[in-house]
Amino acid sequence: EEILLKGDALFSECAVPRETIEFQWAERNDGIASEYLRNSPQLLIPARVLQGDTTYHISLQVQSETDATQRSSLNFEIYLLESSLMAIIDGGDAVQIAETTEINLSGQSSRDLSLASTTAQGLTYEWTCTYSTFGECRDVSQNIVAPQSGSSVSIIAGTLYASATIPYIFRLTVSKGIREEYTEVAITILQ
């Protein structure tokens, strides 16, 4: 979400009209680009410009346009919590495919919501597969199917049994540091 800070000033010992008051925002850590630190009563920072789990030290200085000795400043801190992660498997949460079709799943759209979507997300991906109450997915030779790690998974056509009414559940867990989120897709394999 965007952040909007509003400054207001009134010099109590002199008759200075409001339009002659100058505002100057500053940030001590250089974490806010100068393009946002304008000479304005408002400081507007668009969403995803600031990083989570970070403290920003901001100051606002106001002064009379005609008398620089008439000034005041305020210093304060903003602490941003880390945003959530969003695990996404492209293609929806329920899919039916023919047993002659390769299974291709992608989690590349998963996000760290504190970052812009065009920025490298720095996520770790873990895939698991379960089949109803039977536990881990098994191939036609009864070997456990362990999807590879990475943002995408491919399983060769014919590896899994046609399941007709019971879907295979593929779970994608994305993590970053101590944060973690998961999503699932149910895949029914038809004969």
C-alpha atoms as a PDB file:
ATOM      1  CA  GLU A   1       0.000   0.000   0.000  1.00  0.00           C
ATOM      2  CA  GLU A   2       1.097   3.527  -0.567  1.00  0.00           C
ATOM      3  CA  ILE A   3       2.162   5.698   2.353  1.00  0.00           C
ATOM      4  CA  LEU A   4       0.923   9.264   2.687  1.00  0.00           C
ATOM      5  CA  LEU A   5       2.354  11.603   5.324  1.00  0.00           C
ATOM      6  CA  LYS A   6       0.921  15.091   5.728  1.00  0.00           C
ATOM      7  CA  GLY A   7       2.707  18.001   7.316  1.00  0.00           C
ATOM      8  CA  ASP A   8       1.013  21.069   8.688  1.00  0.00           C
ATOM      9  CA  ALA A   9       2.598  24.150  10.216  1.00  0.00           C
ATOM     10  CA  LEU A  10       1.531  27.366  11.845  1.00  0.00           C
ATOM     11  CA  PHE A  11       3.957  29.895  13.239  1.00  0.00           C
ATOM     12  CA  SER A  12       2.327  31.102  16.401  1.00  0.00           C
ATOM     13  CA  GLU A  13       4.416  34.222  17.083  1.00  0.00           C
ATOM     14  CA  CYS A  14       4.207  35.904  13.729  1.00  0.00           C
ATOM     15  CA  ALA A  15       1.595  36.570  11.124  1.00  0.00           C
ATOM     16  CA  VAL A  16       2.977  34.450   8.273  1.00  0.00           C
ATOM     17  CA  PRO A  17       0.335  33.412   5.747  1.00  0.00           C
ATOM     18  CA  ARG A  18       0.197  29.664   5.077  1.00  0.00           C
ATOM     19  CA  GLU A  19       1.268  29.966   1.451  1.00  0.00           C
ATOM     20  CA  THR A  20       4.649  31.386   2.467  1.00  0.00           C
ATOM     21  CA  ILE A  21       5.662  28.318   4.510  1.00  0.00           C
ATOM     22  CA  GLU A  22       8.189  25.984   2.888  1.00  0.00           C
ATOM     23  CA  PHE A  23       8.225  22.241   3.538  1.00  0.00           C
ATOM     24  CA  GLN A  24      11.224  19.936   3.101  1.00  0.00           C
ATOM     25  CA  TRP A  25      11.139  16.168   3.676  1.00  0.00           C
ATOM     26  CA  ALA A  26      14.341  14.215   4.298  1.00  0.00           C
ATOM     27  CA  GLU A  27      15.279  10.610   5.095  1.00  0.00           C
ATOM     28  CA  ARG A  28      18.445   9.681   6.954  1.00  0.00           C
ATOM     29  CA  ASN A  29      19.122   6.190   5.551  1.00  0.00           C
ATOM     30  CA  ASP A  30      18.878   6.987   1.826  1.00  0.00           C
ATOM     31  CA  GLY A  31      16.211   4.291   1.518  1.00  0.00           C
ATOM     32  CA  ILE A  32      13.677   6.643  -0.034  1.00  0.00           C
ATOM     33  CA  ALA A  33      14.519   7.958  -3.479  1.00  0.00           C
ATOM     34  CA  SER A  34      14.863  11.741  -3.686  1.00  0.00           C
ATOM     35  CA  GLU A  35      12.094  11.840  -6.291  1.00  0.00           C
ATOM     36  CA  TYR A  36       9.598  11.240  -3.458  1.00  0.00           C
ATOM     37  CA  LEU A  37      11.172  13.734  -1.002  1.00  0.00           C
ATOM     38  CA  ARG A  38       9.615  16.847  -2.443  1.00  0.00           C
ATOM     39  CA  ASN A  39       9.162  20.351  -1.098  1.00  0.00           C
ATOM     40  CA  SER A  40       5.512  19.824  -0.368  1.00  0.00           C
ATOM     41  CA  PRO A  41       3.251  19.529   2.675  1.00  0.00           C
ATOM     42  CA  GLN A  42       2.663  15.879   1.682  1.00  0.00           C
ATOM     43  CA  LEU A  43       5.019  12.952   1.276  1.00  0.00           C
ATOM     44  CA  LEU A  44       3.519  10.259  -0.953  1.00  0.00           C
ATOM     45  CA  ILE A  45       5.456   7.012  -1.341  1.00  0.00           C
ATOM     46  CA  PRO A  46       3.952   4.510  -3.802  1.00  0.00           C
ATOM     47  CA  ALA A  47       3.386   0.890  -2.842  1.00  0.00           C
ATOM     48  CA  ARG A  48       6.407  -1.440  -2.993  1.00  0.00           C
ATOM     49  CA  VAL A  49       8.998   1.361  -2.968  1.00  0.00           C
ATOM     50  CA  LEU A  50       9.985   0.713   0.646  1.00  0.00           C
ATOM     51  CA  GLN A  51      11.220  -2.647   1.927  1.00  0.00           C
ATOM     52  CA  GLY A  52       9.585  -4.545   4.769  1.00  0.00           C
ATOM     53  CA  ASP A  53      11.344  -5.269   8.064  1.00  0.00           C
ATOM     54  CA  THR A  54      13.057  -1.878   7.794  1.00  0.00           C
ATOM     55  CA  THR A  55      12.979   1.293   9.864  1.00  0.00           C
ATOM     56  CA  TYR A  56      12.974   4.590   7.995  1.00  0.00           C
ATOM     57  CA  HIS A  57      14.037   7.807   9.775  1.00  0.00           C
ATOM     58  CA  ILE A  58      12.156  10.721   8.272  1.00  0.00           C
ATOM     59  CA  SER A  59      12.224  14.406   9.062  1.00  0.00           C
ATOM     60  CA  LEU A  60      10.073  17.308   8.015  1.00  0.00           C
ATOM     61  CA  GLN A  61      11.460  20.815   8.200  1.00  0.00           C
ATOM     62  CA  VAL A  62       9.187  23.823   7.807  1.00  0.00           C
ATOM     63  CA  GLN A  63      10.291  27.406   7.544  1.00  0.00           C
ATOM     64  CA  SER A  64       9.062  30.798   6.565  1.00  0.00           C
ATOM     65  CA  GLU A  65       9.756  31.590   2.940  1.00  0.00           C
ATOM     66  CA  THR A  66      10.798  35.137   3.822  1.00  0.00           C
ATOM     67  CA  ASP A  67      12.575  34.555   7.160  1.00  0.00           C
ATOM     68  CA  ALA A  68      14.743  31.400   7.400  1.00  0.00           C
ATOM     69  CA  THR A  69      15.154  31.909  11.165  1.00  0.00           C
ATOM     70  CA  GLN A  70      11.484  31.041  11.557  1.00  0.00           C
ATOM     71  CA  ARG A  71      11.723  27.264  11.247  1.00  0.00           C
ATOM     72  CA  SER A  72      10.878  24.059  12.988  1.00  0.00           C
ATOM     73  CA  SER A  73      11.440  20.380  12.315  1.00  0.00           C
ATOM     74  CA  LEU A  74      10.028  17.050  13.346  1.00  0.00           C
ATOM     75  CA  ASN A  75      11.845  13.697  13.264  1.00  0.00           C
ATOM     76  CA  PHE A  76      10.065  10.366  13.364  1.00  0.00           C
ATOM     77  CA  GLU A  77      10.479   6.715  12.486  1.00  0.00           C
ATOM     78  CA  ILE A  78       8.397   4.450  10.295  1.00  0.00           C
ATOM     79  CA  TYR A  79       8.833   0.720  10.734  1.00  0.00           C
ATOM     80  CA  LEU A  80       7.453  -1.438   7.932  1.00  0.00           C
ATOM     81  CA  LEU A  81       6.555  -5.036   8.638  1.00  0.00           C
ATOM     82  CA  GLU A  82       7.472  -7.652   6.081  1.00  0.00           C
ATOM     83  CA  SER A  83       4.657  -8.319   3.661  1.00  0.00           C
ATOM     84  CA  SER A  84       3.225 -11.745   3.075  1.00  0.00           C
ATOM     85  CA  LEU A  85       4.286 -14.118   0.363  1.00  0.00           C
ATOM     86  CA  MET A  86       1.791 -15.250  -2.256  1.00  0.00           C
ATOM     87  CA  ALA A  87       2.117 -18.786  -3.605  1.00  0.00           C
ATOM     88  CA  ILE A  88       0.562 -19.146  -7.061  1.00  0.00           C
ATOM     89  CA  ILE A  89       0.337 -22.189  -9.318  1.00  0.00           C
ATOM     90  CA  ASP A  90      -0.526 -20.989 -12.814  1.00  0.00           C
ATOM     91  CA  GLY A  91      -3.602 -22.543 -14.393  1.00  0.00           C
ATOM     92  CA  GLY A  92      -6.057 -22.659 -11.501  1.00  0.00           C
ATOM     93  CA  ASP A  93      -6.723 -24.872  -8.509  1.00  0.00           C
ATOM     94  CA  ALA A  94      -8.379 -27.845 -10.271  1.00  0.00           C
ATOM     95  CA  VAL A  95      -7.299 -29.381 -13.582  1.00  0.00           C
ATOM     96  CA  GLN A  96      -8.353 -32.427 -15.582  1.00  0.00           C
ATOM     97  CA  ILE A  97      -5.900 -33.900 -18.082  1.00  0.00           C
ATOM     98  CA  ALA A  98      -5.636 -36.992 -20.254  1.00  0.00           C
ATOM     99  CA  GLU A  99      -3.201 -39.694 -19.104  1.00  0.00           C
ATOM    100  CA  THR A 100      -1.245 -39.073 -22.312  1.00  0.00           C
ATOM    101  CA  THR A 101      -0.584 -35.453 -21.279  1.00  0.00           C
ATOM    102  CA  GLU A 102       2.580 -34.332 -19.527  1.00  0.00           C
ATOM    103  CA  ILE A 103       1.960 -32.490 -16.254  1.00  0.00           C
ATOM    104  CA  ASN A 104       3.566 -29.038 -16.302  1.00  0.00           C
ATOM    105  CA  LEU A 105       3.110 -26.818 -13.264  1.00  0.00           C
ATOM    106  CA  SER A 106       4.585 -23.367 -12.791  1.00  0.00           C
ATOM    107  CA  GLY A 107       4.913 -21.342  -9.616  1.00  0.00           C
ATOM    108  CA  GLN A 108       6.817 -18.526 -11.343  1.00  0.00           C
ATOM    109  CA  SER A 109       4.001 -16.054 -10.639  1.00  0.00           C
ATOM    110  CA  SER A 110       4.491 -16.475  -6.865  1.00  0.00           C
ATOM    111  CA  ARG A 111       5.367 -13.229  -5.143  1.00  0.00           C
ATOM    112  CA  ASP A 112       6.917 -11.478  -2.207  1.00  0.00           C
ATOM    113  CA  LEU A 113       4.267  -8.783  -1.827  1.00  0.00           C
ATOM    114  CA  SER A 114       6.799  -6.315  -0.456  1.00  0.00           C
ATOM    115  CA  LEU A 115       8.532  -6.255  -3.864  1.00  0.00           C
ATOM    116  CA  ALA A 116       7.439  -5.037  -7.267  1.00  0.00           C
ATOM    117  CA  SER A 117       6.381  -7.869  -9.569  1.00  0.00           C
ATOM    118  CA  THR A 118       9.179  -6.928 -11.983  1.00  0.00           C
ATOM    119  CA  THR A 119      11.840  -7.389  -9.276  1.00  0.00           C
ATOM    120  CA  ALA A 120      13.565 -10.728  -8.628  1.00  0.00           C
ATOM    121  CA  GLN A 121      11.487 -12.290  -5.838  1.00  0.00           C
ATOM    122  CA  GLY A 122      14.216 -14.377  -4.164  1.00  0.00           C
ATOM    123  CA  LEU A 123      11.835 -17.223  -3.281  1.00  0.00           C
ATOM    124  CA  THR A 124      12.599 -20.856  -2.519  1.00  0.00           C
ATOM    125  CA  TYR A 125      10.161 -23.370  -4.052  1.00  0.00           C
ATOM    126  CA  GLU A 126       9.216 -26.807  -2.709  1.00  0.00           C
ATOM    127  CA  TRP A 127       6.732 -29.123  -4.416  1.00  0.00           C
ATOM    128  CA  THR A 128       5.002 -32.152  -2.908  1.00  0.00           C
ATOM    129  CA  CYS A 129       2.420 -34.550  -4.310  1.00  0.00           C
ATOM    130  CA  THR A 130      -0.185 -36.530  -2.350  1.00  0.00           C
ATOM    131  CA  TYR A 131      -2.902 -38.875  -3.491  1.00  0.00           C
ATOM    132  CA  SER A 132      -6.000 -38.872  -1.290  1.00  0.00           C
ATOM    133  CA  THR A 133      -5.453 -40.714   1.988  1.00  0.00           C
ATOM    134  CA  PHE A 134      -2.838 -42.966   0.379  1.00  0.00           C
ATOM    135  CA  GLY A 135      -0.061 -40.494   1.100  1.00  0.00           C
ATOM    136  CA  GLU A 136       2.704 -39.636  -1.315  1.00  0.00           C
ATOM    137  CA  CYS A 137       2.086 -39.955  -5.024  1.00  0.00           C
ATOM    138  CA  ARG A 138       3.408 -43.156  -6.585  1.00  0.00           C
ATOM    139  CA  ASP A 139       4.118 -43.925 -10.199  1.00  0.00           C
ATOM    140  CA  VAL A 140       2.903 -47.001 -12.090  1.00  0.00           C
ATOM    141  CA  SER A 141       5.906 -48.953 -10.677  1.00  0.00           C
ATOM    142  CA  GLN A 142       4.957 -47.911  -7.096  1.00  0.00           C
ATOM    143  CA  ASN A 143       7.955 -45.606  -6.745  1.00  0.00           C
ATOM    144  CA  ILE A 144       7.357 -42.365  -4.853  1.00  0.00           C
ATOM    145  CA  VAL A 145       7.029 -39.420  -7.208  1.00  0.00           C
ATOM    146  CA  ALA A 146       9.072 -36.607  -5.707  1.00  0.00           C
ATOM    147  CA  PRO A 147       8.648 -33.462  -7.796  1.00  0.00           C
ATOM    148  CA  GLN A 148      11.877 -31.560  -8.304  1.00  0.00           C
ATOM    149  CA  SER A 149      12.485 -28.287  -6.533  1.00  0.00           C
ATOM    150  CA  GLY A 150      12.412 -25.064  -8.499  1.00  0.00           C
ATOM    151  CA  SER A 151       9.715 -22.750  -9.726  1.00  0.00           C
ATOM    152  CA  SER A 152       8.343 -25.308 -12.231  1.00  0.00           C
ATOM    153  CA  VAL A 153       7.602 -29.047 -12.221  1.00  0.00           C
ATOM    154  CA  SER A 154       7.175 -31.460 -15.129  1.00  0.00           C
ATOM    155  CA  ILE A 155       6.009 -35.059 -14.876  1.00  0.00           C
ATOM    156  CA  ILE A 156       6.187 -37.204 -17.994  1.00  0.00           C
ATOM    157  CA  ALA A 157       2.850 -38.460 -19.366  1.00  0.00           C
ATOM    158  CA  GLY A 158       2.029 -41.980 -18.144  1.00  0.00           C
ATOM    159  CA  THR A 159       4.063 -41.647 -14.927  1.00  0.00           C
ATOM    160  CA  LEU A 160       0.961 -41.457 -12.713  1.00  0.00           C
ATOM    161  CA  TYR A 161      -2.101 -43.699 -12.835  1.00  0.00           C
ATOM    162  CA  ALA A 162      -5.282 -42.376 -14.360  1.00  0.00           C
ATOM    163  CA  SER A 163      -7.163 -41.291 -11.254  1.00  0.00           C
ATOM    164  CA  ALA A 164     -10.687 -40.791 -12.668  1.00  0.00           C
ATOM    165  CA  THR A 165     -12.433 -39.443  -9.547  1.00  0.00           C
ATOM    166  CA  ILE A 166      -9.608 -39.002  -7.026  1.00  0.00           C
ATOM    167  CA  PRO A 167      -7.267 -36.123  -7.846  1.00  0.00           C
ATOM    168  CA  TYR A 168      -3.556 -35.891  -7.184  1.00  0.00           C
ATOM    169  CA  ILE A 169      -2.827 -32.897  -4.962  1.00  0.00           C
ATOM    170  CA  PHE A 170       0.278 -30.942  -5.865  1.00  0.00           C
ATOM    171  CA  ARG A 171       1.338 -28.454  -3.196  1.00  0.00           C
ATOM    172  CA  LEU A 172       3.709 -25.574  -3.840  1.00  0.00           C
ATOM    173  CA  THR A 173       5.322 -24.021  -0.769  1.00  0.00           C
ATOM    174  CA  VAL A 174       7.240 -20.802  -1.314  1.00  0.00           C
ATOM    175  CA  SER A 175       9.514 -19.456   1.383  1.00  0.00           C
ATOM    176  CA  LYS A 176      11.848 -16.575   2.040  1.00  0.00           C
ATOM    177  CA  GLY A 177      13.637 -16.268   5.353  1.00  0.00           C
ATOM    178  CA  ILE A 178      11.119 -17.286   8.014  1.00  0.00           C
ATOM    179  CA  ARG A 179       8.100 -16.441   5.855  1.00  0.00           C
ATOM    180  CA  GLU A 180       6.269 -19.260   4.102  1.00  0.00           C
ATOM    181  CA  GLU A 181       3.057 -19.681   2.098  1.00  0.00           C
ATOM    182  CA  TYR A 182       1.546 -22.527   0.122  1.00  0.00           C
ATOM    183  CA  THR A 183      -1.132 -23.271  -2.441  1.00  0.00           C
ATOM    184  CA  GLU A 184      -2.420 -26.458  -4.036  1.00  0.00           C
ATOM    185  CA  VAL A 185      -3.770 -27.707  -7.341  1.00  0.00           C
ATOM    186  CA  ALA A 186      -5.905 -30.824  -7.727  1.00  0.00           C
ATOM    187  CA  ILE A 187      -5.084 -32.751 -10.903  1.00  0.00           C
ATOM    188  CA  THR A 188      -7.413 -35.480 -12.085  1.00  0.00           C
ATOM    189  CA  ILE A 189      -5.929 -37.772 -14.727  1.00  0.00           C
ATOM    190  CA  LEU A 190      -8.500 -39.177 -17.132  1.00  0.00           C
ATOM    191  CA  GLN A 191      -8.145 -42.301 -19.282  1.00  0.00           C
END
